[in-house]
Each structure stands twice: as C-alpha cells, then as structure tokens.
Amino acid sequence: MAEACQFVRKQDLPPPGGYKPIPYKRVPAKTLFSGYTLFAGYIGITIGSIYLYHLTAKRIKKHEIEMRSAKMAIYPMLLAERDREYLKQLRRNRDAEAELMKDVPGWEVGTYYGEPIYKLVPPDALVEPIFHEYYAHSNPSDWFRRVCIKLRS
C-alpha cells in the first residue's frame, strides 16, 4: 500500500524565526494640513467661486436682456404675420368650399343653402372657426404639427 502512495506531502510550517506580530495598536492618520490651513483654504475657494459665479451671472444676465429686447422688438411683426397667415388660411378655406360645392344648386359659401349659419352676428363680423374647421382644407402635416406643438422659451 505504501507503494501506491508515492507522493508524500510536506506540512506547511512557519518561516524560521516565526511570523511577525499582528499590529493591533491604533495608527493615527498623517496630518497633511492643520485646522487653520483647512479653514483658510475653504474661505479662499469660496471667495474664488463667488467671483467666478458673479462673472458668469453677469454674462448670462446681459445675454438674457439682449434676447428679451430682441423678442420685444420683433413681437409686433410676429403677431402681424400670424394674423395675416390666419386670414390667408380662412380665404383658402372659403375658396376650397366654393370649389367643392360649385355643382350643388342653391349653395352659397358661408351659408347653409342660403340660410345664414349665425343669425345674431352682423354680416361683416368675423366668426372664428373651430380648430378642425380651420384645418379642414389644409395639409394633414400642418394639422399634426399644430396639435403636437411644444412651447419653447
């Protein structure tokens, strides 16, 4: 049986002289900076940060004032263009209705077979159509863009 076990293992033993002692005493951390140095560094970084913040805020405020002035200057023109496009679309809707109903006898544009739709409204008053009537004869992508509009500041 001893012949079958050719490999004899040696037991692991400690190194000669034994192991080093296990350090269990408290080892304080190195002090790189004193309390006064840390406090002075904090004050210095805070003052530097406030100065940089002030420079950035001044630049941003100047940009905001310029953009606000530009928006206020162009706002009346944008309103006029919006109103002009609104009236042009109403005109296109009226022309499309006239083209669509030209073969129907007794049909007048803006009425229901000659009867006014709104009885108490003066004939020269503008009656604003509802959303779907306004986009009835326009491109569907225009309607979709208006429905999914996102306001940006």
C-alpha atoms as a PDB file:
ATOM      1  CA  MET A   1       0.000   0.000   0.000  1.00  0.00           C
ATOM      2  CA  ALA A   2       2.890   2.273   0.683  1.00  0.00           C
ATOM      3  CA  GLU A   3       3.970   1.786  -2.892  1.00  0.00           C
ATOM      4  CA  ALA A   4       0.676   3.210  -4.165  1.00  0.00           C
ATOM      5  CA  CYS A   5       1.184   6.454  -2.277  1.00  0.00           C
ATOM      6  CA  GLN A   6       4.321   7.778  -3.921  1.00  0.00           C
ATOM      7  CA  PHE A   7       3.670  11.442  -3.227  1.00  0.00           C
ATOM      8  CA  VAL A   8       4.218  12.454   0.344  1.00  0.00           C
ATOM      9  CA  ARG A   9       3.114  15.901   1.216  1.00  0.00           C
ATOM     10  CA  LYS A  10       5.048  18.142   3.488  1.00  0.00           C
ATOM     11  CA  GLN A  11       3.204  20.090   6.093  1.00  0.00           C
ATOM     12  CA  ASP A  12       3.368  23.909   5.753  1.00  0.00           C
ATOM     13  CA  LEU A  13       5.422  25.249   8.609  1.00  0.00           C
ATOM     14  CA  PRO A  14       6.014  28.795   9.806  1.00  0.00           C
ATOM     15  CA  PRO A  15       9.112  30.523   8.492  1.00  0.00           C
ATOM     16  CA  PRO A  16      12.237  30.198  10.565  1.00  0.00           C
ATOM     17  CA  GLY A  17      12.032  32.648  13.460  1.00  0.00           C
ATOM     18  CA  GLY A  18       8.204  32.712  13.337  1.00  0.00           C
ATOM     19  CA  TYR A  19       5.666  35.122  11.952  1.00  0.00           C
ATOM     20  CA  LYS A  20       5.734  38.888  12.596  1.00  0.00           C
ATOM     21  CA  PRO A  21       3.479  40.079  15.390  1.00  0.00           C
ATOM     22  CA  ILE A  22      -0.010  41.177  14.358  1.00  0.00           C
ATOM     23  CA  PRO A  23      -0.370  45.006  14.509  1.00  0.00           C
ATOM     24  CA  TYR A  24      -3.389  45.783  16.631  1.00  0.00           C
ATOM     25  CA  LYS A  25      -2.497  49.177  18.048  1.00  0.00           C
ATOM     26  CA  ARG A  26      -4.205  52.344  16.709  1.00  0.00           C
ATOM     27  CA  VAL A  27      -2.183  54.032  13.953  1.00  0.00           C
ATOM     28  CA  PRO A  28      -3.227  57.693  13.626  1.00  0.00           C
ATOM     29  CA  ALA A  29      -3.546  59.130  10.107  1.00  0.00           C
ATOM     30  CA  LYS A  30      -0.965  61.572   8.825  1.00  0.00           C
ATOM     31  CA  THR A  31      -1.971  65.186   9.236  1.00  0.00           C
ATOM     32  CA  LEU A  32      -1.283  66.925   5.950  1.00  0.00           C
ATOM     33  CA  PHE A  33      -2.992  70.206   6.856  1.00  0.00           C
ATOM     34  CA  SER A  34      -3.772  71.822  10.154  1.00  0.00           C
ATOM     35  CA  GLY A  35      -7.245  73.079  11.030  1.00  0.00           C
ATOM     36  CA  TYR A  36      -6.302  76.697  10.334  1.00  0.00           C
ATOM     37  CA  THR A  37      -4.930  75.770   6.904  1.00  0.00           C
ATOM     38  CA  LEU A  38      -8.122  73.898   6.004  1.00  0.00           C
ATOM     39  CA  PHE A  39     -10.278  76.814   7.177  1.00  0.00           C
ATOM     40  CA  ALA A  40      -8.212  79.320   5.172  1.00  0.00           C
ATOM     41  CA  GLY A  41      -8.401  77.065   2.086  1.00  0.00           C
ATOM     42  CA  TYR A  42     -12.186  76.818   2.439  1.00  0.00           C
ATOM     43  CA  ILE A  43     -12.513  80.611   2.704  1.00  0.00           C
ATOM     44  CA  GLY A  44     -10.213  81.112  -0.324  1.00  0.00           C
ATOM     45  CA  ILE A  45     -12.069  78.615  -2.524  1.00  0.00           C
ATOM     46  CA  THR A  46     -15.436  80.117  -1.500  1.00  0.00           C
ATOM     47  CA  ILE A  47     -14.318  83.646  -2.379  1.00  0.00           C
ATOM     48  CA  GLY A  48     -12.910  82.457  -5.724  1.00  0.00           C
ATOM     49  CA  SER A  49     -16.133  80.588  -6.507  1.00  0.00           C
ATOM     50  CA  ILE A  50     -18.252  83.625  -5.686  1.00  0.00           C
ATOM     51  CA  TYR A  51     -16.150  85.766  -8.015  1.00  0.00           C
ATOM     52  CA  LEU A  52     -16.432  83.258 -10.892  1.00  0.00           C
ATOM     53  CA  TYR A  53     -20.177  82.909 -10.266  1.00  0.00           C
ATOM     54  CA  HIS A  54     -20.552  86.691 -10.385  1.00  0.00           C
ATOM     55  CA  LEU A  55     -18.711  86.902 -13.733  1.00  0.00           C
ATOM     56  CA  THR A  56     -20.831  84.119 -15.248  1.00  0.00           C
ATOM     57  CA  ALA A  57     -24.099  85.513 -13.888  1.00  0.00           C
ATOM     58  CA  LYS A  58     -23.295  88.959 -15.282  1.00  0.00           C
ATOM     59  CA  ARG A  59     -22.627  87.495 -18.739  1.00  0.00           C
ATOM     60  CA  ILE A  60     -25.820  85.405 -18.655  1.00  0.00           C
ATOM     61  CA  LYS A  61     -27.911  88.353 -17.471  1.00  0.00           C
ATOM     62  CA  LYS A  62     -26.541  90.532 -20.273  1.00  0.00           C
ATOM     63  CA  HIS A  63     -27.442  87.815 -22.805  1.00  0.00           C
ATOM     64  CA  GLU A  64     -30.947  87.454 -21.335  1.00  0.00           C
ATOM     65  CA  ILE A  65     -31.532  91.211 -21.510  1.00  0.00           C
ATOM     66  CA  GLU A  66     -30.427  91.276 -25.157  1.00  0.00           C
ATOM     67  CA  MET A  67     -32.668  88.333 -26.044  1.00  0.00           C
ATOM     68  CA  ARG A  68     -35.637  89.864 -24.218  1.00  0.00           C
ATOM     69  CA  SER A  69     -35.097  93.143 -26.060  1.00  0.00           C
ATOM     70  CA  ALA A  70     -34.895  91.309 -29.379  1.00  0.00           C
ATOM     71  CA  LYS A  71     -38.117  89.418 -28.649  1.00  0.00           C
ATOM     72  CA  MET A  72     -39.908  92.615 -27.657  1.00  0.00           C
ATOM     73  CA  ALA A  73     -38.718  94.340 -30.830  1.00  0.00           C
ATOM     74  CA  ILE A  74     -39.854  91.556 -33.156  1.00  0.00           C
ATOM     75  CA  TYR A  75     -43.080  90.638 -31.314  1.00  0.00           C
ATOM     76  CA  PRO A  76     -45.419  93.087 -33.158  1.00  0.00           C
ATOM     77  CA  MET A  77     -44.161  91.849 -36.519  1.00  0.00           C
ATOM     78  CA  LEU A  78     -44.685  88.210 -35.491  1.00  0.00           C
ATOM     79  CA  LEU A  79     -48.238  88.994 -34.368  1.00  0.00           C
ATOM     80  CA  ALA A  80     -48.970  90.734 -37.662  1.00  0.00           C
ATOM     81  CA  GLU A  81     -47.570  87.780 -39.634  1.00  0.00           C
ATOM     82  CA  ARG A  82     -49.625  85.353 -37.544  1.00  0.00           C
ATOM     83  CA  ASP A  83     -52.816  87.342 -38.167  1.00  0.00           C
ATOM     84  CA  ARG A  84     -52.009  87.634 -41.868  1.00  0.00           C
ATOM     85  CA  GLU A  85     -51.499  83.864 -42.184  1.00  0.00           C
ATOM     86  CA  TYR A  86     -54.722  83.250 -40.258  1.00  0.00           C
ATOM     87  CA  LEU A  87     -56.715  85.379 -42.692  1.00  0.00           C
ATOM     88  CA  LYS A  88     -54.996  83.752 -45.679  1.00  0.00           C
ATOM     89  CA  GLN A  89     -55.988  80.301 -44.377  1.00  0.00           C
ATOM     90  CA  LEU A  90     -59.583  81.463 -43.898  1.00  0.00           C
ATOM     91  CA  ARG A  91     -59.529  82.698 -47.501  1.00  0.00           C
ATOM     92  CA  ARG A  92     -58.139  79.332 -48.696  1.00  0.00           C
ATOM     93  CA  ASN A  93     -60.879  77.532 -46.749  1.00  0.00           C
ATOM     94  CA  ARG A  94     -63.553  79.713 -48.334  1.00  0.00           C
ATOM     95  CA  ASP A  95     -62.127  79.156 -51.828  1.00  0.00           C
ATOM     96  CA  ALA A  96     -61.904  75.407 -51.226  1.00  0.00           C
ATOM     97  CA  GLU A  97     -65.541  75.359 -50.081  1.00  0.00           C
ATOM     98  CA  ALA A  98     -66.581  77.288 -53.181  1.00  0.00           C
ATOM     99  CA  GLU A  99     -64.660  74.863 -55.416  1.00  0.00           C
ATOM    100  CA  LEU A 100     -66.018  71.805 -53.616  1.00  0.00           C
ATOM    101  CA  MET A 101     -69.670  72.889 -53.633  1.00  0.00           C
ATOM    102  CA  LYS A 102     -69.809  74.587 -57.062  1.00  0.00           C
ATOM    103  CA  ASP A 103     -72.016  71.844 -58.533  1.00  0.00           C
ATOM    104  CA  VAL A 104     -74.602  71.940 -55.697  1.00  0.00           C
ATOM    105  CA  PRO A 105     -77.591  74.086 -56.691  1.00  0.00           C
ATOM    106  CA  GLY A 106     -78.533  76.849 -54.251  1.00  0.00           C
ATOM    107  CA  TRP A 107     -75.287  76.655 -52.270  1.00  0.00           C
ATOM    108  CA  GLU A 108     -73.714  79.913 -51.152  1.00  0.00           C
ATOM    109  CA  VAL A 109     -70.315  79.995 -49.477  1.00  0.00           C
ATOM    110  CA  GLY A 110     -70.584  80.735 -45.753  1.00  0.00           C
ATOM    111  CA  THR A 111     -74.264  79.790 -45.536  1.00  0.00           C
ATOM    112  CA  TYR A 112     -76.305  76.606 -45.369  1.00  0.00           C
ATOM    113  CA  TYR A 113     -78.264  76.610 -48.637  1.00  0.00           C
ATOM    114  CA  GLY A 114     -78.710  80.369 -48.447  1.00  0.00           C
ATOM    115  CA  GLU A 115     -79.609  80.488 -44.729  1.00  0.00           C
ATOM    116  CA  PRO A 116     -77.032  82.248 -42.537  1.00  0.00           C
ATOM    117  CA  ILE A 117     -75.447  79.918 -40.006  1.00  0.00           C
ATOM    118  CA  TYR A 118     -75.268  82.566 -37.289  1.00  0.00           C
ATOM    119  CA  LYS A 119     -78.450  84.617 -37.111  1.00  0.00           C
ATOM    120  CA  LEU A 120     -77.439  87.223 -34.496  1.00  0.00           C
ATOM    121  CA  VAL A 121     -73.997  88.023 -35.941  1.00  0.00           C
ATOM    122  CA  PRO A 122     -73.682  91.037 -38.259  1.00  0.00           C
ATOM    123  CA  PRO A 123     -72.832  90.058 -41.836  1.00  0.00           C
ATOM    124  CA  ASP A 124     -69.413  91.744 -41.824  1.00  0.00           C
ATOM    125  CA  ALA A 125     -68.261  90.277 -38.455  1.00  0.00           C
ATOM    126  CA  LEU A 126     -65.502  87.676 -38.364  1.00  0.00           C
ATOM    127  CA  VAL A 127     -66.635  84.393 -36.853  1.00  0.00           C
ATOM    128  CA  GLU A 128     -63.610  82.352 -35.919  1.00  0.00           C
ATOM    129  CA  PRO A 129     -63.940  78.703 -36.930  1.00  0.00           C
ATOM    130  CA  ILE A 130     -63.273  75.841 -34.569  1.00  0.00           C
ATOM    131  CA  PHE A 131     -59.936  74.043 -34.709  1.00  0.00           C
ATOM    132  CA  HIS A 132     -60.988  71.243 -37.073  1.00  0.00           C
ATOM    133  CA  GLU A 133     -62.818  73.592 -39.444  1.00  0.00           C
ATOM    134  CA  TYR A 134     -59.764  75.822 -39.670  1.00  0.00           C
ATOM    135  CA  TYR A 135     -57.553  72.899 -40.777  1.00  0.00           C
ATOM    136  CA  ALA A 136     -60.232  71.175 -42.871  1.00  0.00           C
ATOM    137  CA  HIS A 137     -58.688  72.027 -46.250  1.00  0.00           C
ATOM    138  CA  SER A 138     -55.023  72.167 -45.238  1.00  0.00           C
ATOM    139  CA  ASN A 139     -52.217  69.648 -45.308  1.00  0.00           C
ATOM    140  CA  PRO A 140     -52.597  66.981 -42.568  1.00  0.00           C
ATOM    141  CA  SER A 141     -48.979  67.512 -41.525  1.00  0.00           C
ATOM    142  CA  ASP A 142     -49.825  71.148 -40.692  1.00  0.00           C
ATOM    143  CA  TRP A 143     -52.703  69.959 -38.513  1.00  0.00           C
ATOM    144  CA  PHE A 144     -50.478  67.401 -36.766  1.00  0.00           C
ATOM    145  CA  ARG A 145     -47.712  69.962 -36.181  1.00  0.00           C
ATOM    146  CA  ARG A 146     -50.241  72.323 -34.577  1.00  0.00           C
ATOM    147  CA  VAL A 147     -51.769  69.603 -32.403  1.00  0.00           C
ATOM    148  CA  CYS A 148     -48.364  68.495 -31.113  1.00  0.00           C
ATOM    149  CA  ILE A 149     -46.947  71.985 -30.612  1.00  0.00           C
ATOM    150  CA  LYS A 150     -44.436  72.451 -27.815  1.00  0.00           C
ATOM    151  CA  LEU A 151     -43.863  75.883 -26.416  1.00  0.00           C
ATOM    152  CA  ARG A 152     -40.247  76.896 -26.052  1.00  0.00           C
ATOM    153  CA  SER A 153     -38.948  79.744 -24.003  1.00  0.00           C
END
